[in-house]
Every structure is written in C-alpha cells, then in structure tokens.
Amino acid sequence: MPRSKRLLKRLEAEIAESDQLSIEKRAELLGKLKTKPGLDRLLQVDRAAVEREAHLDGKYPVRSSDPTPTVDEIALGYRQMLQVERGWREKKTSPISRRAGHQSTM
C-alpha cells in the first residue's frame, strides 16, 4: 500500500469519532495531529489528488539541462552521485579517518 494511503487511513482512524467531541477536545486533537510527522500535511487533503498521484509514491523526479542523455543514463548518473556522496559521508564519520588533534605541552 502506498505511503500516502497508509497515512490517510491512519488519519481517518484518528479523527473517526471527532464529530462528537466538544470544540475544546477537537482543538486538542488537531494540535496532537499537527505534531505527528506526515499527518499534519494531510489535515486538508484532496482525496482525488491522493488517488491520482498514488503511482508516484517512492519515485523521484530527475532533471537535466543536457538533452542528449537518455532517461536511463540520467537516472544512472544520479545513482552514482548518491553512491559517491554516501561514500564521502562514511569516510567523514569513520573513526579511522578523523584527524587526531595535536596538543601543545606548554
């Protein structure tokens, strides 16, 4: 099930009985929902848009100013760039590659 649909089901479960709550309790529920990641953006949701865009879940748009490479070549370039960035991140956080601080004895 796409992530957006899972979030929508979770939101529906959270607000299922909210019509029977007092105004104060509704405000408390709204405040609680706004603090939950993912649910806050679904509080004013267009269900038709969720259905239309469900096939895009987990996909990323890629862009190139060069018209010559194919879509597959652009995607491969992005994958390689992510691997290089991941490698640099691992190298920077590795305890072996950190510089030792030099202390003066004066």
Protein backbone atom coordinates (compact mmCIF):
# COMPACT_ATOMS: atom_id res chain seq x y z
CA MET A 1 0.00 0.00 0.00
CA PRO A 2 1.45 3.42 -0.92
CA ARG A 3 2.66 5.59 1.93
CA SER A 4 0.10 8.33 1.27
CA LYS A 5 -2.76 5.85 1.52
CA ARG A 6 -1.37 4.43 4.78
CA LEU A 7 -1.12 7.93 6.24
CA LEU A 8 -4.64 8.72 5.08
CA LYS A 9 -6.02 5.58 6.75
CA ARG A 10 -4.16 6.46 9.95
CA LEU A 11 -5.60 9.98 9.87
CA GLU A 12 -9.11 8.66 9.30
CA ALA A 13 -8.73 6.35 12.30
CA GLU A 14 -7.54 9.25 14.46
CA ILE A 15 -10.49 11.50 13.57
CA ALA A 16 -13.20 8.83 13.27
CA GLU A 17 -15.26 9.98 16.27
CA SER A 18 -14.21 13.65 16.30
CA ASP A 19 -17.67 14.91 15.24
CA GLN A 20 -18.98 14.03 18.69
CA LEU A 21 -16.22 15.89 20.55
CA SER A 22 -16.56 19.33 22.07
CA ILE A 23 -14.83 22.28 20.41
CA GLU A 24 -12.06 22.20 23.03
CA LYS A 25 -11.43 18.47 22.53
CA ARG A 26 -11.37 18.95 18.73
CA ALA A 27 -8.77 21.68 19.15
CA GLU A 28 -6.69 19.35 21.35
CA LEU A 29 -6.97 16.58 18.74
CA LEU A 30 -5.95 18.98 15.97
CA GLY A 31 -2.93 20.11 17.97
CA LYS A 32 -1.95 16.50 18.61
CA LEU A 33 -2.27 15.60 14.92
CA LYS A 34 -0.21 18.60 13.81
CA THR A 35 2.74 17.30 15.82
CA LYS A 36 2.76 13.89 14.12
CA PRO A 37 5.05 13.64 11.08
CA GLY A 38 3.19 13.09 7.84
CA LEU A 39 -0.28 13.57 9.31
CA ASP A 40 -0.01 17.33 9.60
CA ARG A 41 0.15 17.74 5.81
CA LEU A 42 -2.91 15.53 5.33
CA LEU A 43 -5.24 17.53 7.55
CA GLN A 44 -6.55 19.33 4.49
CA VAL A 45 -6.29 16.57 1.95
CA ASP A 46 -7.68 16.31 -1.54
CA ARG A 47 -8.64 12.62 -1.80
CA ALA A 48 -8.81 12.78 -5.58
CA ALA A 49 -5.23 14.08 -5.69
CA VAL A 50 -4.10 11.22 -3.44
CA GLU A 51 -5.60 8.71 -5.85
CA ARG A 52 -4.18 10.49 -8.92
CA GLU A 53 -0.66 10.63 -7.51
CA ALA A 54 -0.50 7.24 -5.75
CA HIS A 55 1.54 5.79 -8.63
CA LEU A 56 4.29 8.37 -7.92
CA ASP A 57 4.97 7.23 -4.34
CA GLY A 58 8.62 6.34 -3.91
CA LYS A 59 9.67 7.93 -7.21
CA TYR A 60 11.85 10.98 -7.61
CA PRO A 61 11.81 13.46 -10.49
CA VAL A 62 15.16 13.94 -12.21
CA ARG A 63 16.18 16.81 -14.42
CA SER A 64 18.94 17.54 -16.88
CA SER A 65 19.77 20.60 -18.92
CA ASP A 66 21.58 18.40 -21.46
CA PRO A 67 19.07 16.91 -23.96
CA THR A 68 21.42 14.20 -25.25
CA PRO A 69 21.41 11.56 -22.44
CA THR A 70 18.53 9.14 -22.16
CA VAL A 71 16.33 8.87 -19.07
CA ASP A 72 18.18 5.72 -18.01
CA GLU A 73 21.56 7.45 -18.31
CA ILE A 74 20.34 10.38 -16.21
CA ALA A 75 18.99 8.01 -13.55
CA LEU A 76 22.30 6.11 -13.55
CA GLY A 77 24.18 9.40 -13.08
CA TYR A 78 22.00 10.27 -10.09
CA ARG A 79 22.55 6.80 -8.57
CA GLN A 80 26.30 7.13 -8.99
CA MET A 81 26.24 10.60 -7.45
CA LEU A 82 24.32 9.24 -4.43
CA GLN A 83 26.88 6.44 -4.02
CA VAL A 84 29.76 8.92 -4.11
CA GLU A 85 28.03 11.18 -1.56
CA ARG A 86 27.33 8.17 0.68
CA GLY A 87 30.99 7.17 0.44
CA TRP A 88 32.16 10.65 1.44
CA ARG A 89 29.74 10.68 4.37
CA GLU A 90 31.01 7.30 5.56
CA LYS A 91 34.62 8.42 5.15
CA LYS A 92 33.99 11.59 7.16
CA THR A 93 32.29 9.73 10.02
CA SER A 94 34.69 6.81 10.16
CA PRO A 95 36.82 6.92 13.35
CA ILE A 96 39.91 5.87 11.37
CA SER A 97 39.79 8.84 9.02
CA ARG A 98 39.34 11.52 11.69
CA ARG A 99 42.33 13.69 12.33
CA ALA A 100 43.92 13.48 15.70
CA GLY A 101 44.13 16.79 17.49
CA HIS A 102 47.62 17.92 18.39
CA GLN A 103 48.14 19.34 21.85
CA SER A 104 50.99 21.53 22.87
CA THR A 105 52.75 20.69 26.10
CA MET A 106 53.49 24.30 27.03
